[in-house]
Amino acid sequence: MASDPELELRGRLVRSIGTLRDMLPGCFVERKRRCGKPNCRCASGKPEDLHPQLALSVLVGGKLRNIHLNAALAQEARRGVELHRRFQELEARICAINLARLARKKQGPAQP
C-alpha cells in the first residue's frame, strides 16, 4: 500500500502543534513614554530618553485589554505571541490539506 504524502505531512503538522503549548494570543506592544517627573531624563522628550512601556494587547470577552509587563515577563510574552503566530500558520496549512482532500472526494474517483 502506497503512503499518502499529504496525510504524512498533515500528521507531522498536527504532531508539531504540541511544541506550541506556551502560545499567547494578542500582540506584543512596546511604546516609549514620559513618566511625568520633572527632573527625570525623559522630561527632555528626546526619543532615546523616554521609558519603555511593555504590554500584551489581547481581546478578552470582546474587549481590548492591555496587560502591562515588566522586563522579566516581556520576553516570555514576546515568545508566546510568536508561538501563536506559528500555530495560525500550521492551522492554515492543515486546513488547506483537508480542504483539498475534501474537494477531491467530492469529484469522485478518477475515471480510467
N, C-alpha and C. Protein backbone atom coordinates (compact mmCIF):
# COMPACT_ATOMS: atom_id res chain seq x y z
N MET A 1 0.85 -1.18 0.00
CA MET A 1 0.00 0.00 0.00
C MET A 1 0.89 1.25 0.00
N ALA A 2 0.63 2.13 -0.94
CA ALA A 2 1.43 3.36 -1.06
C ALA A 2 1.02 4.34 0.02
N SER A 3 2.01 5.01 0.59
CA SER A 3 1.69 6.01 1.61
C SER A 3 1.26 7.31 0.93
N ASP A 4 0.39 8.02 1.60
CA ASP A 4 -0.11 9.29 1.07
C ASP A 4 0.73 10.42 1.64
N PRO A 5 1.54 11.11 0.81
CA PRO A 5 2.41 12.17 1.34
C PRO A 5 1.63 13.30 1.99
N GLU A 6 0.43 13.55 1.49
CA GLU A 6 -0.40 14.61 2.08
C GLU A 6 -0.80 14.25 3.51
N LEU A 7 -1.19 13.01 3.72
CA LEU A 7 -1.56 12.56 5.07
C LEU A 7 -0.36 12.56 6.00
N GLU A 8 0.79 12.18 5.48
CA GLU A 8 2.01 12.20 6.30
C GLU A 8 2.35 13.63 6.72
N LEU A 9 2.25 14.56 5.77
CA LEU A 9 2.52 15.96 6.09
C LEU A 9 1.54 16.47 7.14
N ARG A 10 0.26 16.17 6.94
CA ARG A 10 -0.76 16.62 7.90
C ARG A 10 -0.46 16.04 9.28
N GLY A 11 -0.07 14.77 9.35
CA GLY A 11 0.27 14.15 10.63
C GLY A 11 1.43 14.84 11.31
N ARG A 12 2.47 15.15 10.52
CA ARG A 12 3.63 15.86 11.10
C ARG A 12 3.21 17.24 11.62
N LEU A 13 2.37 17.94 10.86
CA LEU A 13 1.92 19.27 11.29
C LEU A 13 1.13 19.18 12.59
N VAL A 14 0.21 18.22 12.65
CA VAL A 14 -0.61 18.06 13.86
C VAL A 14 0.27 17.73 15.06
N ARG A 15 1.23 16.85 14.88
CA ARG A 15 2.12 16.49 15.99
C ARG A 15 2.98 17.67 16.44
N SER A 16 3.33 18.55 15.53
CA SER A 16 4.18 19.69 15.90
C SER A 16 3.44 20.75 16.71
N ILE A 17 2.12 20.68 16.73
CA ILE A 17 1.34 21.67 17.50
C ILE A 17 1.66 21.57 18.99
N GLY A 18 2.00 20.38 19.46
CA GLY A 18 2.33 20.20 20.88
C GLY A 18 3.48 21.06 21.36
N THR A 19 4.37 21.45 20.45
CA THR A 19 5.52 22.27 20.84
C THR A 19 5.11 23.73 21.07
N LEU A 20 3.86 24.06 20.76
CA LEU A 20 3.41 25.45 20.86
C LEU A 20 2.54 25.69 22.10
N ARG A 21 2.66 24.84 23.10
CA ARG A 21 1.76 24.90 24.25
C ARG A 21 1.83 26.20 25.04
N ASP A 22 2.90 26.96 24.92
CA ASP A 22 3.04 28.21 25.67
C ASP A 22 2.60 29.43 24.87
N MET A 23 1.84 29.21 23.80
CA MET A 23 1.44 30.34 22.94
C MET A 23 0.48 31.28 23.68
N LEU A 24 0.53 32.53 23.26
CA LEU A 24 -0.34 33.57 23.83
C LEU A 24 -1.02 34.31 22.68
N PRO A 25 -2.31 34.63 22.85
CA PRO A 25 -2.99 35.41 21.82
C PRO A 25 -2.61 36.88 21.95
N GLY A 26 -2.91 37.65 20.93
CA GLY A 26 -2.71 39.10 21.00
C GLY A 26 -1.43 39.56 20.34
N CYS A 27 -1.05 40.78 20.70
CA CYS A 27 0.13 41.43 20.12
C CYS A 27 1.01 41.95 21.26
N PHE A 28 2.31 41.81 21.06
CA PHE A 28 3.25 42.40 21.99
C PHE A 28 3.47 43.84 21.57
N VAL A 29 3.34 44.75 22.52
CA VAL A 29 3.43 46.18 22.22
C VAL A 29 4.53 46.81 23.07
N GLU A 30 5.38 47.60 22.41
CA GLU A 30 6.42 48.35 23.13
C GLU A 30 6.29 49.82 22.74
N ARG A 31 6.04 50.64 23.72
CA ARG A 31 5.92 52.09 23.49
C ARG A 31 6.99 52.80 24.30
N LYS A 32 7.27 54.03 23.90
CA LYS A 32 8.18 54.89 24.66
C LYS A 32 7.34 56.04 25.20
N ARG A 33 7.54 56.37 26.46
CA ARG A 33 6.73 57.44 27.06
C ARG A 33 7.50 58.18 28.15
N ARG A 34 6.93 59.32 28.54
CA ARG A 34 7.47 60.10 29.66
C ARG A 34 6.81 59.62 30.95
N CYS A 35 7.54 59.70 32.04
CA CYS A 35 6.97 59.28 33.32
C CYS A 35 6.24 60.42 34.02
N GLY A 36 6.56 61.65 33.68
CA GLY A 36 5.89 62.80 34.29
C GLY A 36 6.69 63.49 35.38
N LYS A 37 7.79 62.92 35.82
CA LYS A 37 8.62 63.55 36.84
C LYS A 37 9.44 64.67 36.18
N PRO A 38 9.40 65.88 36.71
CA PRO A 38 10.06 67.00 36.04
C PRO A 38 11.58 66.88 35.96
N ASN A 39 12.23 66.18 36.88
CA ASN A 39 13.68 66.08 36.87
C ASN A 39 14.20 64.79 36.22
N CYS A 40 13.32 64.00 35.68
CA CYS A 40 13.73 62.73 35.06
C CYS A 40 14.33 63.00 33.68
N ARG A 41 15.17 62.11 33.23
CA ARG A 41 15.81 62.26 31.92
C ARG A 41 14.78 62.30 30.79
N CYS A 42 13.62 61.66 30.99
CA CYS A 42 12.60 61.60 29.93
C CYS A 42 11.91 62.94 29.72
N ALA A 43 12.06 63.87 30.66
CA ALA A 43 11.40 65.17 30.54
C ALA A 43 11.90 65.95 29.33
N SER A 44 13.07 65.60 28.82
CA SER A 44 13.60 66.28 27.64
C SER A 44 12.76 66.00 26.40
N GLY A 45 12.08 64.85 26.41
CA GLY A 45 11.24 64.49 25.27
C GLY A 45 11.99 63.81 24.13
N LYS A 46 13.30 63.69 24.26
CA LYS A 46 14.08 63.02 23.21
C LYS A 46 13.70 61.54 23.18
N PRO A 47 13.51 60.97 22.00
CA PRO A 47 13.10 59.57 21.91
C PRO A 47 14.02 58.60 22.65
N GLU A 48 15.32 58.87 22.63
CA GLU A 48 16.26 57.96 23.29
C GLU A 48 16.18 58.06 24.82
N ASP A 49 15.57 59.13 25.35
CA ASP A 49 15.46 59.31 26.80
C ASP A 49 14.14 58.81 27.37
N LEU A 50 13.20 58.45 26.54
CA LEU A 50 11.89 58.01 27.02
C LEU A 50 11.96 56.60 27.60
N HIS A 51 11.03 56.29 28.50
CA HIS A 51 10.97 54.99 29.16
C HIS A 51 10.17 54.00 28.32
N PRO A 52 10.64 52.75 28.25
CA PRO A 52 9.86 51.75 27.52
C PRO A 52 8.65 51.31 28.34
N GLN A 53 7.54 51.12 27.66
CA GLN A 53 6.33 50.61 28.30
C GLN A 53 5.97 49.34 27.51
N LEU A 54 5.97 48.20 28.19
CA LEU A 54 5.77 46.91 27.55
C LEU A 54 4.40 46.36 27.92
N ALA A 55 3.69 45.80 26.93
CA ALA A 55 2.35 45.28 27.20
C ALA A 55 1.99 44.18 26.21
N LEU A 56 1.06 43.35 26.63
CA LEU A 56 0.43 42.37 25.76
C LEU A 56 -0.98 42.88 25.51
N SER A 57 -1.30 43.14 24.25
CA SER A 57 -2.62 43.64 23.87
C SER A 57 -3.45 42.46 23.38
N VAL A 58 -4.57 42.20 24.05
CA VAL A 58 -5.34 40.99 23.77
C VAL A 58 -6.84 41.25 23.93
N LEU A 59 -7.66 40.56 23.14
CA LEU A 59 -9.11 40.64 23.28
C LEU A 59 -9.55 39.67 24.37
N VAL A 60 -10.26 40.20 25.38
CA VAL A 60 -10.78 39.38 26.46
C VAL A 60 -12.27 39.69 26.57
N GLY A 61 -13.09 38.71 26.30
CA GLY A 61 -14.54 38.92 26.36
C GLY A 61 -15.01 39.97 25.37
N GLY A 62 -14.36 40.05 24.22
CA GLY A 62 -14.75 41.01 23.20
C GLY A 62 -14.20 42.42 23.40
N LYS A 63 -13.45 42.63 24.47
CA LYS A 63 -12.87 43.95 24.74
C LYS A 63 -11.35 43.88 24.68
N LEU A 64 -10.76 44.92 24.12
CA LEU A 64 -9.31 45.00 24.04
C LEU A 64 -8.74 45.35 25.41
N ARG A 65 -7.81 44.54 25.86
CA ARG A 65 -7.15 44.76 27.15
C ARG A 65 -5.65 44.82 26.93
N ASN A 66 -5.00 45.69 27.68
CA ASN A 66 -3.55 45.77 27.67
C ASN A 66 -3.05 45.26 29.01
N ILE A 67 -2.24 44.22 28.96
CA ILE A 67 -1.65 43.66 30.17
C ILE A 67 -0.22 44.18 30.23
N HIS A 68 0.02 45.10 31.16
CA HIS A 68 1.34 45.72 31.27
C HIS A 68 2.32 44.72 31.88
N LEU A 69 3.52 44.71 31.33
CA LEU A 69 4.52 43.71 31.69
C LEU A 69 5.81 44.37 32.16
N ASN A 70 6.46 43.71 33.10
CA ASN A 70 7.81 44.16 33.45
C ASN A 70 8.79 43.51 32.47
N ALA A 71 10.02 43.92 32.53
CA ALA A 71 11.02 43.43 31.57
C ALA A 71 11.20 41.92 31.64
N ALA A 72 11.06 41.36 32.85
CA ALA A 72 11.24 39.91 33.02
C ALA A 72 10.16 39.13 32.27
N LEU A 73 8.93 39.62 32.26
CA LEU A 73 7.83 38.93 31.58
C LEU A 73 7.73 39.27 30.10
N ALA A 74 8.36 40.35 29.69
CA ALA A 74 8.24 40.80 28.31
C ALA A 74 8.76 39.76 27.32
N GLN A 75 9.90 39.15 27.62
CA GLN A 75 10.47 38.15 26.71
C GLN A 75 9.55 36.94 26.60
N GLU A 76 8.98 36.52 27.72
CA GLU A 76 8.05 35.38 27.71
C GLU A 76 6.81 35.70 26.87
N ALA A 77 6.29 36.91 27.01
CA ALA A 77 5.12 37.31 26.23
C ALA A 77 5.46 37.40 24.75
N ARG A 78 6.60 37.95 24.43
CA ARG A 78 7.03 38.07 23.03
C ARG A 78 7.13 36.68 22.39
N ARG A 79 7.70 35.74 23.12
CA ARG A 79 7.83 34.37 22.62
C ARG A 79 6.45 33.71 22.47
N GLY A 80 5.57 33.92 23.44
CA GLY A 80 4.22 33.34 23.38
C GLY A 80 3.43 33.84 22.18
N VAL A 81 3.56 35.11 21.86
CA VAL A 81 2.87 35.68 20.70
C VAL A 81 3.44 35.09 19.41
N GLU A 82 4.75 34.90 19.36
CA GLU A 82 5.38 34.29 18.19
C GLU A 82 4.91 32.84 18.02
N LEU A 83 4.77 32.12 19.11
CA LEU A 83 4.27 30.74 19.05
C LEU A 83 2.84 30.71 18.53
N HIS A 84 2.04 31.68 18.94
CA HIS A 84 0.66 31.75 18.45
C HIS A 84 0.63 32.02 16.94
N ARG A 85 1.53 32.84 16.46
CA ARG A 85 1.60 33.11 15.02
C ARG A 85 1.95 31.82 14.27
N ARG A 86 2.89 31.04 14.82
CA ARG A 86 3.25 29.76 14.20
C ARG A 86 2.06 28.81 14.20
N PHE A 87 1.29 28.80 15.30
CA PHE A 87 0.09 27.96 15.38
C PHE A 87 -0.89 28.32 14.27
N GLN A 88 -1.09 29.61 14.04
CA GLN A 88 -2.01 30.04 12.99
C GLN A 88 -1.52 29.59 11.61
N GLU A 89 -0.21 29.61 11.39
CA GLU A 89 0.34 29.12 10.12
C GLU A 89 0.09 27.62 9.96
N LEU A 90 0.33 26.86 11.04
CA LEU A 90 0.08 25.42 10.99
C LEU A 90 -1.40 25.13 10.74
N GLU A 91 -2.25 25.87 11.42
CA GLU A 91 -3.70 25.70 11.26
C GLU A 91 -4.10 25.92 9.80
N ALA A 92 -3.57 26.96 9.19
CA ALA A 92 -3.90 27.26 7.80
C ALA A 92 -3.42 26.15 6.87
N ARG A 93 -2.23 25.62 7.11
CA ARG A 93 -1.71 24.54 6.26
C ARG A 93 -2.53 23.26 6.41
N ILE A 94 -2.89 22.91 7.65
CA ILE A 94 -3.69 21.71 7.89
C ILE A 94 -5.06 21.86 7.24
N CYS A 95 -5.69 23.03 7.38
CA CYS A 95 -6.99 23.26 6.78
C CYS A 95 -6.92 23.21 5.25
N ALA A 96 -5.84 23.72 4.67
CA ALA A 96 -5.69 23.68 3.21
C ALA A 96 -5.58 22.24 2.73
N ILE A 97 -4.85 21.41 3.45
CA ILE A 97 -4.74 19.99 3.09
C ILE A 97 -6.11 19.33 3.18
N ASN A 98 -6.82 19.57 4.28
CA ASN A 98 -8.14 18.97 4.46
C ASN A 98 -9.13 19.43 3.39
N LEU A 99 -9.07 20.69 3.03
CA LEU A 99 -9.97 21.22 2.00
C LEU A 99 -9.66 20.60 0.64
N ALA A 100 -8.39 20.45 0.30
CA ALA A 100 -8.02 19.83 -0.97
C ALA A 100 -8.48 18.38 -1.01
N ARG A 101 -8.33 17.67 0.10
CA ARG A 101 -8.78 16.27 0.16
C ARG A 101 -10.29 16.18 0.00
N LEU A 102 -11.02 17.08 0.64
CA LEU A 102 -12.49 17.08 0.53
C LEU A 102 -12.92 17.37 -0.90
N ALA A 103 -12.27 18.33 -1.55
CA ALA A 103 -12.61 18.68 -2.93
C ALA A 103 -12.38 17.48 -3.85
N ARG A 104 -11.29 16.74 -3.62
CA ARG A 104 -11.03 15.56 -4.46
C ARG A 104 -12.07 14.48 -4.22
N LYS A 105 -12.50 14.29 -2.97
CA LYS A 105 -13.54 13.31 -2.66
C LYS A 105 -14.85 13.67 -3.34
N LYS A 106 -15.15 14.96 -3.37
CA LYS A 106 -16.40 15.42 -3.99
C LYS A 106 -16.41 15.12 -5.49
N GLN A 107 -15.25 15.24 -6.12
CA GLN A 107 -15.16 14.97 -7.56
C GLN A 107 -15.35 13.49 -7.85
N GLY A 108 -15.15 12.66 -6.87
CA GLY A 108 -15.32 11.22 -7.08
C GLY A 108 -14.04 10.57 -7.53
N PRO A 109 -14.07 9.24 -7.67
CA PRO A 109 -12.85 8.53 -8.09
C PRO A 109 -12.48 8.89 -9.51
N ALA A 110 -11.19 8.82 -9.76
CA ALA A 110 -10.68 9.15 -11.11
C ALA A 110 -11.17 8.13 -12.12
N GLN A 111 -11.58 8.57 -13.28
CA GLN A 111 -12.05 7.70 -14.35
C GLN A 111 -10.86 7.20 -15.17
N PRO A 112 -10.83 5.86 -15.50
CA PRO A 112 -9.71 5.36 -16.29
C PRO A 112 -9.77 5.79 -17.73
